[in-house]
Amino acid sequence: MELTQNTGINTTPGSGLVINSIVRKFTFNDIVLPDPGIDYSPEEVRDVYSAQYPDISTAILEETFLDSETIAYKFVRAVGSKG
């Protein structure tokens, strides 16, 4: 499931401005996570999935712009030692 986020640029007819939509893609441990909604920040998306994937709560968030319309967010599991 992909959701797009309106960039918030308001235009009037004939103004020549173009509104681009942003597609957000989330992954954790090579699992594609559906975007819960455009109103959620990436940190809030982490909170949404923390009950299902406990390790995501300590994961590092990497943001990559794939192109002008797509942002990939990858939650990278923190590596540490037990003991």
C-alpha atoms as a PDB file:
ATOM      1  CA  MET A   1       0.000   0.000   0.000  1.00  0.00           C
ATOM      2  CA  GLU A   2       1.395   3.360  -0.923  1.00  0.00           C
ATOM      3  CA  LEU A   3       0.055   6.654   0.297  1.00  0.00           C
ATOM      4  CA  THR A   4       0.980   9.983  -1.130  1.00  0.00           C
ATOM      5  CA  GLN A   5       1.449  13.174   0.764  1.00  0.00           C
ATOM      6  CA  ASN A   6       0.383  16.479  -0.715  1.00  0.00           C
ATOM      7  CA  THR A   7       3.221  18.970  -0.516  1.00  0.00           C
ATOM      8  CA  GLY A   8       0.774  21.630   0.599  1.00  0.00           C
ATOM      9  CA  ILE A   9       1.349  24.027  -2.286  1.00  0.00           C
ATOM     10  CA  ASN A  10      -1.880  25.792  -3.110  1.00  0.00           C
ATOM     11  CA  THR A  11      -2.321  26.893  -6.668  1.00  0.00           C
ATOM     12  CA  THR A  12      -4.864  28.865  -8.560  1.00  0.00           C
ATOM     13  CA  PRO A  13      -5.848  28.029 -12.139  1.00  0.00           C
ATOM     14  CA  GLY A  14      -3.343  29.417 -14.604  1.00  0.00           C
ATOM     15  CA  SER A  15      -0.643  30.081 -12.017  1.00  0.00           C
ATOM     16  CA  GLY A  16       1.759  27.611 -13.616  1.00  0.00           C
ATOM     17  CA  LEU A  17       2.614  25.915 -10.323  1.00  0.00           C
ATOM     18  CA  VAL A  18       2.578  22.139 -10.148  1.00  0.00           C
ATOM     19  CA  ILE A  19       1.689  20.133  -7.067  1.00  0.00           C
ATOM     20  CA  ASN A  20       3.861  17.052  -6.602  1.00  0.00           C
ATOM     21  CA  SER A  21       2.883  14.161  -4.381  1.00  0.00           C
ATOM     22  CA  ILE A  22       5.386  12.344  -2.213  1.00  0.00           C
ATOM     23  CA  VAL A  23       5.317   8.566  -1.867  1.00  0.00           C
ATOM     24  CA  ARG A  24       6.729   7.254   1.414  1.00  0.00           C
ATOM     25  CA  LYS A  25       8.072   3.705   1.659  1.00  0.00           C
ATOM     26  CA  PHE A  26       8.926   2.139   5.027  1.00  0.00           C
ATOM     27  CA  THR A  27      10.963  -1.022   5.642  1.00  0.00           C
ATOM     28  CA  PHE A  28      12.270  -2.893   8.689  1.00  0.00           C
ATOM     29  CA  ASN A  29      14.369  -6.073   8.464  1.00  0.00           C
ATOM     30  CA  ASP A  30      13.525  -6.324   4.744  1.00  0.00           C
ATOM     31  CA  ILE A  31       9.804  -6.212   5.577  1.00  0.00           C
ATOM     32  CA  VAL A  32       7.767  -3.595   3.738  1.00  0.00           C
ATOM     33  CA  LEU A  33       5.597  -1.713   6.224  1.00  0.00           C
ATOM     34  CA  PRO A  34       2.457  -0.017   4.916  1.00  0.00           C
ATOM     35  CA  ASP A  35       2.397   3.713   5.523  1.00  0.00           C
ATOM     36  CA  PRO A  36      -0.218   4.187   8.278  1.00  0.00           C
ATOM     37  CA  GLY A  37      -1.039   7.659   7.045  1.00  0.00           C
ATOM     38  CA  ILE A  38       0.456  10.845   5.760  1.00  0.00           C
ATOM     39  CA  ASP A  39      -0.279  12.607   9.036  1.00  0.00           C
ATOM     40  CA  TYR A  40       2.258  10.387  10.849  1.00  0.00           C
ATOM     41  CA  SER A  41       5.874  11.482  11.066  1.00  0.00           C
ATOM     42  CA  PRO A  42       8.474   8.741  10.501  1.00  0.00           C
ATOM     43  CA  GLU A  43       9.030   8.629  14.277  1.00  0.00           C
ATOM     44  CA  GLU A  44       5.289   8.155  14.828  1.00  0.00           C
ATOM     45  CA  VAL A  45       5.302   5.365  12.223  1.00  0.00           C
ATOM     46  CA  ARG A  46       7.970   3.685  14.366  1.00  0.00           C
ATOM     47  CA  ASP A  47       5.634   3.959  17.375  1.00  0.00           C
ATOM     48  CA  VAL A  48       2.749   2.436  15.402  1.00  0.00           C
ATOM     49  CA  TYR A  49       4.808  -0.661  14.581  1.00  0.00           C
ATOM     50  CA  SER A  50       6.652  -1.002  17.903  1.00  0.00           C
ATOM     51  CA  ALA A  51       4.039  -3.378  19.389  1.00  0.00           C
ATOM     52  CA  GLN A  52       4.306  -5.709  16.405  1.00  0.00           C
ATOM     53  CA  TYR A  53       8.083  -5.351  15.985  1.00  0.00           C
ATOM     54  CA  PRO A  54       9.646  -4.540  19.400  1.00  0.00           C
ATOM     55  CA  ASP A  55      13.163  -4.129  17.937  1.00  0.00           C
ATOM     56  CA  ILE A  56      11.962  -1.212  15.809  1.00  0.00           C
ATOM     57  CA  SER A  57      11.758   1.002  18.909  1.00  0.00           C
ATOM     58  CA  THR A  58      15.573   1.163  19.110  1.00  0.00           C
ATOM     59  CA  ALA A  59      16.217   1.057  15.368  1.00  0.00           C
ATOM     60  CA  ILE A  60      18.059   3.819  13.574  1.00  0.00           C
ATOM     61  CA  LEU A  61      16.005   5.661  10.973  1.00  0.00           C
ATOM     62  CA  GLU A  62      17.643   6.127   7.573  1.00  0.00           C
ATOM     63  CA  GLU A  63      16.030   8.418   5.025  1.00  0.00           C
ATOM     64  CA  THR A  64      16.806   8.136   1.312  1.00  0.00           C
ATOM     65  CA  PHE A  65      15.357  10.167  -1.525  1.00  0.00           C
ATOM     66  CA  LEU A  66      14.831   7.669  -4.343  1.00  0.00           C
ATOM     67  CA  ASP A  67      13.641  10.299  -6.784  1.00  0.00           C
ATOM     68  CA  SER A  68      11.795  13.603  -6.715  1.00  0.00           C
ATOM     69  CA  GLU A  69       8.559  11.884  -5.658  1.00  0.00           C
ATOM     70  CA  THR A  70       9.669   8.984  -3.432  1.00  0.00           C
ATOM     71  CA  ILE A  71      11.253   8.883   0.012  1.00  0.00           C
ATOM     72  CA  ALA A  72      12.375   5.560   1.470  1.00  0.00           C
ATOM     73  CA  TYR A  73      12.542   5.235   5.246  1.00  0.00           C
ATOM     74  CA  LYS A  74      14.486   2.257   6.534  1.00  0.00           C
ATOM     75  CA  PHE A  75      14.479   1.272  10.178  1.00  0.00           C
ATOM     76  CA  VAL A  76      17.860  -0.366  10.804  1.00  0.00           C
ATOM     77  CA  ARG A  77      17.979  -2.633  13.821  1.00  0.00           C
ATOM     78  CA  ALA A  78      20.506  -1.529  16.402  1.00  0.00           C
ATOM     79  CA  VAL A  79      23.356  -3.996  16.799  1.00  0.00           C
ATOM     80  CA  GLY A  80      24.675  -4.548  20.276  1.00  0.00           C
ATOM     81  CA  SER A  81      25.977  -7.156  22.610  1.00  0.00           C
ATOM     82  CA  LYS A  82      24.039  -8.961  25.278  1.00  0.00           C
ATOM     83  CA  GLY A  83      25.451  -9.317  28.676  1.00  0.00           C
END
